[in-house]
């Protein structure tokens, strides 16, 4: 049989991957939640802020993907 460990591509550790910490750490900063205002379109801050975190996560993931994908593969 073959080697049970998967082959690792050289260069998988791009420094751009550190940007993926932004959508992980940003929602953990509790001082952002320490207010009731401002409201946005009638939604309290907590709810629209959670939606903003989703947008930040999607944009960050897309950016890192575009910066780290290899040209000519797959």
C-alpha atoms as a PDB file:
ATOM      1  CA  UNK A   1       0.000   0.000   0.000  1.00  0.00           C
ATOM      2  CA  UNK A   2       0.953   3.638  -0.182  1.00  0.00           C
ATOM      3  CA  UNK A   3       2.215   6.020   2.415  1.00  0.00           C
ATOM      4  CA  UNK A   4      -0.694   6.925   4.786  1.00  0.00           C
ATOM      5  CA  UNK A   5       0.510  10.499   5.246  1.00  0.00           C
ATOM      6  CA  UNK A   6      -0.811  12.898   2.612  1.00  0.00           C
ATOM      7  CA  UNK A   7       1.717  14.597   0.367  1.00  0.00           C
ATOM      8  CA  UNK A   8       2.237  18.208   1.286  1.00  0.00           C
ATOM      9  CA  UNK A   9       2.608  20.812  -1.391  1.00  0.00           C
ATOM     10  CA  UNK A  10       5.628  23.038  -0.978  1.00  0.00           C
ATOM     11  CA  UNK A  11       4.769  26.613  -0.110  1.00  0.00           C
ATOM     12  CA  UNK A  12       1.446  26.018   1.653  1.00  0.00           C
ATOM     13  CA  UNK A  13       2.460  28.507   4.335  1.00  0.00           C
ATOM     14  CA  UNK A  14       1.749  31.867   2.807  1.00  0.00           C
ATOM     15  CA  UNK A  15       2.016  34.980   4.993  1.00  0.00           C
ATOM     16  CA  UNK A  16      -1.322  36.081   3.539  1.00  0.00           C
ATOM     17  CA  UNK A  17      -2.980  33.344   5.613  1.00  0.00           C
ATOM     18  CA  UNK A  18      -2.443  35.506   8.709  1.00  0.00           C
ATOM     19  CA  UNK A  19      -5.223  37.767   7.414  1.00  0.00           C
ATOM     20  CA  UNK A  20      -7.658  34.982   8.242  1.00  0.00           C
ATOM     21  CA  UNK A  21      -7.231  35.848  11.912  1.00  0.00           C
ATOM     22  CA  UNK A  22      -9.141  39.097  11.380  1.00  0.00           C
ATOM     23  CA  UNK A  23     -12.631  37.544  11.133  1.00  0.00           C
ATOM     24  CA  UNK A  24     -11.801  35.263  14.061  1.00  0.00           C
ATOM     25  CA  UNK A  25     -10.459  37.863  16.473  1.00  0.00           C
ATOM     26  CA  UNK A  26     -12.690  40.803  15.539  1.00  0.00           C
ATOM     27  CA  UNK A  27     -15.926  39.351  16.991  1.00  0.00           C
ATOM     28  CA  UNK A  28     -14.080  38.387  20.172  1.00  0.00           C
ATOM     29  CA  UNK A  29     -13.287  41.993  21.100  1.00  0.00           C
ATOM     30  CA  UNK A  30     -16.007  42.666  23.631  1.00  0.00           C
ATOM     31  CA  UNK A  31     -15.633  46.441  23.704  1.00  0.00           C
ATOM     32  CA  UNK A  32     -17.391  46.555  20.329  1.00  0.00           C
ATOM     33  CA  UNK A  33     -20.542  45.171  21.964  1.00  0.00           C
ATOM     34  CA  UNK A  34     -20.550  47.587  24.894  1.00  0.00           C
ATOM     35  CA  UNK A  35     -23.144  49.974  23.469  1.00  0.00           C
ATOM     36  CA  UNK A  36     -26.804  49.986  22.514  1.00  0.00           C
ATOM     37  CA  UNK A  37     -26.628  52.608  19.820  1.00  0.00           C
ATOM     38  CA  UNK A  38     -26.417  53.358  16.970  1.00  0.00           C
ATOM     39  CA  UNK A  39     -29.357  51.655  15.351  1.00  0.00           C
ATOM     40  CA  UNK A  40     -29.176  50.901  11.652  1.00  0.00           C
ATOM     41  CA  UNK A  41     -32.495  50.744   9.789  1.00  0.00           C
ATOM     42  CA  UNK A  42     -34.223  49.962  13.078  1.00  0.00           C
ATOM     43  CA  UNK A  43     -31.895  47.088  13.968  1.00  0.00           C
ATOM     44  CA  UNK A  44     -29.974  47.297  17.247  1.00  0.00           C
ATOM     45  CA  UNK A  45     -26.216  47.468  17.046  1.00  0.00           C
ATOM     46  CA  UNK A  46     -25.645  43.836  18.053  1.00  0.00           C
ATOM     47  CA  UNK A  47     -27.608  42.431  15.098  1.00  0.00           C
ATOM     48  CA  UNK A  48     -26.226  44.577  12.298  1.00  0.00           C
ATOM     49  CA  UNK A  49     -22.752  44.194  13.741  1.00  0.00           C
ATOM     50  CA  UNK A  50     -23.022  40.417  13.477  1.00  0.00           C
ATOM     51  CA  UNK A  51     -24.003  40.778   9.827  1.00  0.00           C
ATOM     52  CA  UNK A  52     -21.029  43.084   9.284  1.00  0.00           C
ATOM     53  CA  UNK A  53     -18.727  40.422  10.745  1.00  0.00           C
ATOM     54  CA  UNK A  54     -20.048  37.960   8.159  1.00  0.00           C
ATOM     55  CA  UNK A  55     -19.243  40.407   5.363  1.00  0.00           C
ATOM     56  CA  UNK A  56     -15.741  40.983   6.789  1.00  0.00           C
ATOM     57  CA  UNK A  57     -15.178  37.215   6.957  1.00  0.00           C
ATOM     58  CA  UNK A  58     -16.311  36.618   3.384  1.00  0.00           C
ATOM     59  CA  UNK A  59     -14.220  39.509   2.034  1.00  0.00           C
ATOM     60  CA  UNK A  60     -11.136  38.417   3.967  1.00  0.00           C
ATOM     61  CA  UNK A  61     -11.471  34.802   2.854  1.00  0.00           C
ATOM     62  CA  UNK A  62     -11.935  35.851  -0.769  1.00  0.00           C
ATOM     63  CA  UNK A  63      -8.932  38.165  -0.605  1.00  0.00           C
ATOM     64  CA  UNK A  64      -6.664  35.489   0.885  1.00  0.00           C
ATOM     65  CA  UNK A  65      -7.859  32.954  -1.679  1.00  0.00           C
ATOM     66  CA  UNK A  66      -7.144  35.305  -4.572  1.00  0.00           C
ATOM     67  CA  UNK A  67      -3.713  36.181  -3.190  1.00  0.00           C
ATOM     68  CA  UNK A  68      -2.663  32.582  -2.539  1.00  0.00           C
ATOM     69  CA  UNK A  69      -4.154  30.589  -5.406  1.00  0.00           C
ATOM     70  CA  UNK A  70      -1.693  29.134  -7.815  1.00  0.00           C
ATOM     71  CA  UNK A  71      -1.981  30.066 -11.449  1.00  0.00           C
ATOM     72  CA  UNK A  72      -2.411  27.188 -13.861  1.00  0.00           C
ATOM     73  CA  UNK A  73      -3.714  24.649 -11.327  1.00  0.00           C
ATOM     74  CA  UNK A  74      -6.967  22.831 -11.506  1.00  0.00           C
END
